[in-house]
């Protein structure tokens, strides 16, 4: 108990709140991930009786979730203000909507993923950060795909309601990563402090 008091003695109210918010998000994320991977709780419910929205609204809901994810991605990579990250995420989502080819949309989306952070940070290290974050998301996505099918039948696994429920822990993963970086100032991959990735003090000191 004494060590805990000493640890929090030099922390601001915002830092303490961020830490407890991070812990809460991680706990909820892990709980949702376990439920999904084990096919429990809401994944065992009878979803046939749940009325699905029209295809238009299904697409819009997925667009909103995508913009939500992009907002935190660019908050991590660009170190820009919230309003700027939200605007970029919304504009990129709208752009992707109007590209008819899924392959072309994925290529453009990936290109923007690397180009936009460079426009803000203007250094080669930004490419490495984008690559690392993209790899983390890709690895989690593989887990997501496996977990979606799990012990569920294929039809249920690709049900719209199941798809939305199955993205909860993935979206929380991005939020938790942002909170982790915000609280600790970055993620250390090397012994030297200047070699932090996603280092927050590049831009956010002005925020």
C-alpha atoms as a PDB file:
ATOM      1  CA  UNK A   1       0.000   0.000   0.000  1.00  0.00           C
ATOM      2  CA  UNK A   2       2.868   2.360   0.818  1.00  0.00           C
ATOM      3  CA  UNK A   3       4.470   1.788  -2.585  1.00  0.00           C
ATOM      4  CA  UNK A   4       1.169   2.496  -4.298  1.00  0.00           C
ATOM      5  CA  UNK A   5       0.858   5.793  -2.415  1.00  0.00           C
ATOM      6  CA  UNK A   6       4.431   6.705  -3.334  1.00  0.00           C
ATOM      7  CA  UNK A   7       3.762   5.868  -6.980  1.00  0.00           C
ATOM      8  CA  UNK A   8       0.713   8.119  -7.162  1.00  0.00           C
ATOM      9  CA  UNK A   9       2.200  10.899  -5.020  1.00  0.00           C
ATOM     10  CA  UNK A  10       3.780  12.686  -8.006  1.00  0.00           C
ATOM     11  CA  UNK A  11       0.961  11.966 -10.453  1.00  0.00           C
ATOM     12  CA  UNK A  12      -1.566  14.559 -11.565  1.00  0.00           C
ATOM     13  CA  UNK A  13      -5.312  13.951 -11.409  1.00  0.00           C
ATOM     14  CA  UNK A  14      -5.365  13.566 -15.194  1.00  0.00           C
ATOM     15  CA  UNK A  15      -2.602  10.944 -15.104  1.00  0.00           C
ATOM     16  CA  UNK A  16      -4.369   8.951 -12.377  1.00  0.00           C
ATOM     17  CA  UNK A  17      -7.652   9.104 -14.293  1.00  0.00           C
ATOM     18  CA  UNK A  18      -5.877   7.993 -17.497  1.00  0.00           C
ATOM     19  CA  UNK A  19      -4.312   5.031 -15.714  1.00  0.00           C
ATOM     20  CA  UNK A  20      -7.579   3.801 -14.220  1.00  0.00           C
ATOM     21  CA  UNK A  21      -9.361   4.366 -17.535  1.00  0.00           C
ATOM     22  CA  UNK A  22      -6.641   2.311 -19.254  1.00  0.00           C
ATOM     23  CA  UNK A  23      -7.042  -0.510 -16.718  1.00  0.00           C
ATOM     24  CA  UNK A  24     -10.828  -0.453 -17.156  1.00  0.00           C
ATOM     25  CA  UNK A  25     -10.597  -0.526 -20.967  1.00  0.00           C
ATOM     26  CA  UNK A  26      -8.074  -3.390 -20.910  1.00  0.00           C
ATOM     27  CA  UNK A  27     -10.251  -5.449 -18.541  1.00  0.00           C
ATOM     28  CA  UNK A  28     -13.356  -4.926 -20.721  1.00  0.00           C
ATOM     29  CA  UNK A  29     -11.330  -5.674 -23.873  1.00  0.00           C
ATOM     30  CA  UNK A  30      -9.976  -8.934 -22.470  1.00  0.00           C
ATOM     31  CA  UNK A  31     -13.426  -9.956 -21.248  1.00  0.00           C
ATOM     32  CA  UNK A  32     -14.987  -9.325 -24.686  1.00  0.00           C
ATOM     33  CA  UNK A  33     -12.092 -11.100 -26.418  1.00  0.00           C
ATOM     34  CA  UNK A  34     -12.476 -14.180 -24.222  1.00  0.00           C
ATOM     35  CA  UNK A  35     -16.246 -14.217 -24.787  1.00  0.00           C
ATOM     36  CA  UNK A  36     -15.721 -14.011 -28.553  1.00  0.00           C
ATOM     37  CA  UNK A  37     -12.973 -16.616 -28.712  1.00  0.00           C
ATOM     38  CA  UNK A  38     -14.959 -19.028 -26.557  1.00  0.00           C
ATOM     39  CA  UNK A  39     -18.232 -18.320 -28.341  1.00  0.00           C
ATOM     40  CA  UNK A  40     -20.003 -17.488 -25.095  1.00  0.00           C
ATOM     41  CA  UNK A  41     -22.711 -15.152 -23.782  1.00  0.00           C
ATOM     42  CA  UNK A  42     -24.096 -13.010 -26.612  1.00  0.00           C
ATOM     43  CA  UNK A  43     -22.469 -15.261 -29.240  1.00  0.00           C
ATOM     44  CA  UNK A  44     -24.663 -18.155 -28.102  1.00  0.00           C
ATOM     45  CA  UNK A  45     -27.858 -16.093 -28.259  1.00  0.00           C
ATOM     46  CA  UNK A  46     -30.455 -16.720 -30.942  1.00  0.00           C
ATOM     47  CA  UNK A  47     -29.788 -13.840 -33.317  1.00  0.00           C
ATOM     48  CA  UNK A  48     -32.287 -14.980 -35.935  1.00  0.00           C
ATOM     49  CA  UNK A  49     -35.017 -13.084 -34.087  1.00  0.00           C
ATOM     50  CA  UNK A  50     -32.969  -9.855 -34.062  1.00  0.00           C
ATOM     51  CA  UNK A  51     -34.068  -7.531 -36.835  1.00  0.00           C
ATOM     52  CA  UNK A  52     -31.088  -6.428 -38.909  1.00  0.00           C
ATOM     53  CA  UNK A  53     -31.074  -2.903 -40.356  1.00  0.00           C
ATOM     54  CA  UNK A  54     -31.160  -2.372 -44.104  1.00  0.00           C
ATOM     55  CA  UNK A  55     -27.969  -2.831 -46.096  1.00  0.00           C
ATOM     56  CA  UNK A  56     -27.599   0.958 -46.281  1.00  0.00           C
ATOM     57  CA  UNK A  57     -27.550   1.306 -42.488  1.00  0.00           C
ATOM     58  CA  UNK A  58     -25.358  -1.749 -42.086  1.00  0.00           C
ATOM     59  CA  UNK A  59     -22.783  -0.077 -44.319  1.00  0.00           C
ATOM     60  CA  UNK A  60     -23.100   3.233 -42.438  1.00  0.00           C
ATOM     61  CA  UNK A  61     -22.619   1.525 -39.065  1.00  0.00           C
ATOM     62  CA  UNK A  62     -19.478  -0.195 -40.343  1.00  0.00           C
ATOM     63  CA  UNK A  63     -18.286   3.160 -41.751  1.00  0.00           C
ATOM     64  CA  UNK A  64     -18.751   4.817 -38.349  1.00  0.00           C
ATOM     65  CA  UNK A  65     -16.822   2.029 -36.631  1.00  0.00           C
ATOM     66  CA  UNK A  66     -14.055   2.369 -39.228  1.00  0.00           C
ATOM     67  CA  UNK A  67     -13.865   6.158 -38.704  1.00  0.00           C
ATOM     68  CA  UNK A  68     -13.754   5.598 -34.930  1.00  0.00           C
ATOM     69  CA  UNK A  69     -10.784   3.260 -35.365  1.00  0.00           C
ATOM     70  CA  UNK A  70      -8.992   5.625 -37.751  1.00  0.00           C
ATOM     71  CA  UNK A  71      -9.398   8.510 -35.312  1.00  0.00           C
ATOM     72  CA  UNK A  72      -7.361   6.704 -32.654  1.00  0.00           C
ATOM     73  CA  UNK A  73      -4.885   5.411 -35.246  1.00  0.00           C
ATOM     74  CA  UNK A  74      -4.119   8.944 -36.432  1.00  0.00           C
ATOM     75  CA  UNK A  75      -4.137  10.249 -32.858  1.00  0.00           C
ATOM     76  CA  UNK A  76      -1.324   7.765 -32.187  1.00  0.00           C
ATOM     77  CA  UNK A  77       0.603   8.310 -35.423  1.00  0.00           C
ATOM     78  CA  UNK A  78       0.081  12.024 -36.129  1.00  0.00           C
ATOM     79  CA  UNK A  79       0.126  13.478 -32.584  1.00  0.00           C
ATOM     80  CA  UNK A  80      -2.452  15.973 -33.825  1.00  0.00           C
ATOM     81  CA  UNK A  81      -5.453  17.506 -32.062  1.00  0.00           C
ATOM     82  CA  UNK A  82      -8.626  15.466 -31.730  1.00  0.00           C
ATOM     83  CA  UNK A  83     -10.621  17.590 -34.167  1.00  0.00           C
ATOM     84  CA  UNK A  84      -7.953  17.151 -36.862  1.00  0.00           C
ATOM     85  CA  UNK A  85      -7.763  13.373 -36.375  1.00  0.00           C
ATOM     86  CA  UNK A  86     -11.554  13.054 -36.449  1.00  0.00           C
ATOM     87  CA  UNK A  87     -11.740  15.156 -39.623  1.00  0.00           C
ATOM     88  CA  UNK A  88      -9.054  13.078 -41.359  1.00  0.00           C
ATOM     89  CA  UNK A  89     -10.755   9.825 -40.306  1.00  0.00           C
ATOM     90  CA  UNK A  90     -14.166  10.977 -41.562  1.00  0.00           C
ATOM     91  CA  UNK A  91     -12.804  12.260 -44.897  1.00  0.00           C
ATOM     92  CA  UNK A  92     -10.825   9.056 -45.471  1.00  0.00           C
ATOM     93  CA  UNK A  93     -13.894   6.959 -44.664  1.00  0.00           C
ATOM     94  CA  UNK A  94     -16.015   8.972 -47.122  1.00  0.00           C
ATOM     95  CA  UNK A  95     -13.320   8.595 -49.781  1.00  0.00           C
ATOM     96  CA  UNK A  96     -13.239   4.817 -49.333  1.00  0.00           C
ATOM     97  CA  UNK A  97     -17.047   4.663 -49.624  1.00  0.00           C
ATOM     98  CA  UNK A  98     -16.971   6.154 -53.122  1.00  0.00           C
ATOM     99  CA  UNK A  99     -14.281   3.808 -54.470  1.00  0.00           C
ATOM    100  CA  UNK A 100     -16.165   0.997 -56.253  1.00  0.00           C
ATOM    101  CA  UNK A 101     -13.327  -1.526 -56.264  1.00  0.00           C
ATOM    102  CA  UNK A 102     -12.629  -3.148 -52.887  1.00  0.00           C
ATOM    103  CA  UNK A 103      -9.028  -3.880 -53.910  1.00  0.00           C
ATOM    104  CA  UNK A 104      -8.435  -0.249 -54.950  1.00  0.00           C
ATOM    105  CA  UNK A 105     -10.065   0.971 -51.738  1.00  0.00           C
ATOM    106  CA  UNK A 106      -7.767  -1.230 -49.632  1.00  0.00           C
ATOM    107  CA  UNK A 107      -4.666  -0.042 -51.522  1.00  0.00           C
ATOM    108  CA  UNK A 108      -5.605   3.637 -51.153  1.00  0.00           C
ATOM    109  CA  UNK A 109      -6.485   3.148 -47.508  1.00  0.00           C
ATOM    110  CA  UNK A 110      -3.107   1.507 -46.843  1.00  0.00           C
ATOM    111  CA  UNK A 111      -1.264   4.259 -48.735  1.00  0.00           C
ATOM    112  CA  UNK A 112      -2.988   6.972 -46.695  1.00  0.00           C
ATOM    113  CA  UNK A 113      -2.159   5.030 -43.535  1.00  0.00           C
ATOM    114  CA  UNK A 114       1.535   5.681 -44.247  1.00  0.00           C
ATOM    115  CA  UNK A 115       1.391   9.034 -46.072  1.00  0.00           C
ATOM    116  CA  UNK A 116      -0.771  11.061 -43.654  1.00  0.00           C
ATOM    117  CA  UNK A 117       1.465  10.587 -40.570  1.00  0.00           C
ATOM    118  CA  UNK A 118       4.519  11.622 -42.615  1.00  0.00           C
ATOM    119  CA  UNK A 119       2.773  14.900 -43.514  1.00  0.00           C
ATOM    120  CA  UNK A 120       2.536  15.673 -39.789  1.00  0.00           C
ATOM    121  CA  UNK A 121       5.843  14.312 -38.457  1.00  0.00           C
ATOM    122  CA  UNK A 122       8.043  14.734 -41.550  1.00  0.00           C
ATOM    123  CA  UNK A 123      10.601  12.082 -40.670  1.00  0.00           C
ATOM    124  CA  UNK A 124      11.407   8.558 -41.864  1.00  0.00           C
ATOM    125  CA  UNK A 125      10.763   7.132 -38.399  1.00  0.00           C
ATOM    126  CA  UNK A 126       7.067   7.782 -39.001  1.00  0.00           C
ATOM    127  CA  UNK A 127       7.109   5.009 -41.623  1.00  0.00           C
ATOM    128  CA  UNK A 128       8.435   2.538 -39.040  1.00  0.00           C
ATOM    129  CA  UNK A 129       5.771   3.561 -36.545  1.00  0.00           C
ATOM    130  CA  UNK A 130       3.017   3.153 -39.136  1.00  0.00           C
ATOM    131  CA  UNK A 131       4.386  -0.261 -40.088  1.00  0.00           C
ATOM    132  CA  UNK A 132       4.539  -1.410 -36.446  1.00  0.00           C
ATOM    133  CA  UNK A 133       1.018  -0.213 -35.661  1.00  0.00           C
ATOM    134  CA  UNK A 134      -0.314  -1.761 -38.868  1.00  0.00           C
ATOM    135  CA  UNK A 135       1.366  -5.061 -37.980  1.00  0.00           C
ATOM    136  CA  UNK A 136      -0.193  -4.995 -34.494  1.00  0.00           C
ATOM    137  CA  UNK A 137      -3.634  -4.388 -35.989  1.00  0.00           C
ATOM    138  CA  UNK A 138      -3.092  -7.103 -38.586  1.00  0.00           C
ATOM    139  CA  UNK A 139      -2.074  -9.652 -35.955  1.00  0.00           C
ATOM    140  CA  UNK A 140      -5.113  -8.808 -33.856  1.00  0.00           C
ATOM    141  CA  UNK A 141      -7.301  -9.019 -36.962  1.00  0.00           C
ATOM    142  CA  UNK A 142      -6.064 -12.560 -37.600  1.00  0.00           C
ATOM    143  CA  UNK A 143      -7.078 -13.433 -34.045  1.00  0.00           C
ATOM    144  CA  UNK A 144     -10.410 -11.734 -34.721  1.00  0.00           C
ATOM    145  CA  UNK A 145     -11.071 -13.800 -37.856  1.00  0.00           C
ATOM    146  CA  UNK A 146     -10.242 -17.045 -36.107  1.00  0.00           C
ATOM    147  CA  UNK A 147     -12.321 -16.054 -33.108  1.00  0.00           C
ATOM    148  CA  UNK A 148     -15.315 -15.093 -35.212  1.00  0.00           C
ATOM    149  CA  UNK A 149     -15.597 -18.581 -36.608  1.00  0.00           C
ATOM    150  CA  UNK A 150     -14.431 -20.460 -33.497  1.00  0.00           C
ATOM    151  CA  UNK A 151     -17.148 -22.906 -32.466  1.00  0.00           C
ATOM    152  CA  UNK A 152     -19.788 -20.917 -34.326  1.00  0.00           C
ATOM    153  CA  UNK A 153     -21.207 -22.036 -37.641  1.00  0.00           C
ATOM    154  CA  UNK A 154     -20.125 -20.083 -40.712  1.00  0.00           C
ATOM    155  CA  UNK A 155     -23.511 -18.438 -41.276  1.00  0.00           C
ATOM    156  CA  UNK A 156     -23.633 -17.031 -37.753  1.00  0.00           C
ATOM    157  CA  UNK A 157     -19.993 -15.955 -37.895  1.00  0.00           C
ATOM    158  CA  UNK A 158     -20.748 -13.603 -40.797  1.00  0.00           C
ATOM    159  CA  UNK A 159     -24.050 -12.372 -39.452  1.00  0.00           C
ATOM    160  CA  UNK A 160     -24.078  -8.553 -39.268  1.00  0.00           C
ATOM    161  CA  UNK A 161     -24.995  -8.473 -35.569  1.00  0.00           C
ATOM    162  CA  UNK A 162     -22.252 -10.963 -34.730  1.00  0.00           C
ATOM    163  CA  UNK A 163     -19.795  -8.975 -36.832  1.00  0.00           C
ATOM    164  CA  UNK A 164     -20.529  -5.784 -34.904  1.00  0.00           C
ATOM    165  CA  UNK A 165     -20.360  -7.542 -31.527  1.00  0.00           C
ATOM    166  CA  UNK A 166     -17.128  -9.214 -32.608  1.00  0.00           C
ATOM    167  CA  UNK A 167     -15.447  -5.862 -33.235  1.00  0.00           C
ATOM    168  CA  UNK A 168     -15.909  -4.594 -29.667  1.00  0.00           C
ATOM    169  CA  UNK A 169     -12.648  -5.948 -28.259  1.00  0.00           C
ATOM    170  CA  UNK A 170     -10.740  -4.960 -31.426  1.00  0.00           C
ATOM    171  CA  UNK A 171     -11.874  -1.331 -31.195  1.00  0.00           C
ATOM    172  CA  UNK A 172     -11.109  -1.331 -27.463  1.00  0.00           C
ATOM    173  CA  UNK A 173      -7.644  -2.681 -28.318  1.00  0.00           C
ATOM    174  CA  UNK A 174      -6.937   0.483 -30.350  1.00  0.00           C
ATOM    175  CA  UNK A 175      -8.309   2.697 -27.556  1.00  0.00           C
ATOM    176  CA  UNK A 176      -6.243   0.848 -24.932  1.00  0.00           C
ATOM    177  CA  UNK A 177      -3.112   1.227 -27.055  1.00  0.00           C
ATOM    178  CA  UNK A 178      -3.691   4.974 -27.326  1.00  0.00           C
ATOM    179  CA  UNK A 179      -4.231   5.310 -23.552  1.00  0.00           C
ATOM    180  CA  UNK A 180      -1.107   3.235 -22.889  1.00  0.00           C
ATOM    181  CA  UNK A 181       0.966   5.516 -25.116  1.00  0.00           C
ATOM    182  CA  UNK A 182      -0.590   8.659 -23.647  1.00  0.00           C
ATOM    183  CA  UNK A 183       0.121   7.565 -20.077  1.00  0.00           C
ATOM    184  CA  UNK A 184       3.687   6.290 -20.555  1.00  0.00           C
ATOM    185  CA  UNK A 185       4.679   8.787 -23.270  1.00  0.00           C
ATOM    186  CA  UNK A 186       5.454   6.100 -25.817  1.00  0.00           C
ATOM    187  CA  UNK A 187       6.557   2.480 -26.098  1.00  0.00           C
ATOM    188  CA  UNK A 188      10.230   1.711 -25.569  1.00  0.00           C
ATOM    189  CA  UNK A 189      11.733  -0.778 -28.014  1.00  0.00           C
ATOM    190  CA  UNK A 190      15.326   0.253 -27.410  1.00  0.00           C
ATOM    191  CA  UNK A 191      17.320   1.007 -24.268  1.00  0.00           C
ATOM    192  CA  UNK A 192      17.775   4.666 -25.162  1.00  0.00           C
ATOM    193  CA  UNK A 193      14.781   6.807 -24.272  1.00  0.00           C
ATOM    194  CA  UNK A 194      15.008   8.756 -27.533  1.00  0.00           C
ATOM    195  CA  UNK A 195      14.148   5.539 -29.336  1.00  0.00           C
ATOM    196  CA  UNK A 196      10.567   5.443 -28.128  1.00  0.00           C
ATOM    197  CA  UNK A 197       7.958   4.641 -30.767  1.00  0.00           C
ATOM    198  CA  UNK A 198       4.703   6.624 -30.843  1.00  0.00           C
ATOM    199  CA  UNK A 199       6.468   9.166 -28.613  1.00  0.00           C
ATOM    200  CA  UNK A 200       3.823  11.619 -27.452  1.00  0.00           C
ATOM    201  CA  UNK A 201       6.050  14.613 -26.768  1.00  0.00           C
ATOM    202  CA  UNK A 202       6.683  15.284 -30.454  1.00  0.00           C
ATOM    203  CA  UNK A 203       3.441  17.183 -30.875  1.00  0.00           C
ATOM    204  CA  UNK A 204       1.130  16.822 -27.914  1.00  0.00           C
ATOM    205  CA  UNK A 205       2.974  19.239 -25.642  1.00  0.00           C
ATOM    206  CA  UNK A 206       1.161  21.974 -27.548  1.00  0.00           C
ATOM    207  CA  UNK A 207      -2.240  20.401 -27.029  1.00  0.00           C
END
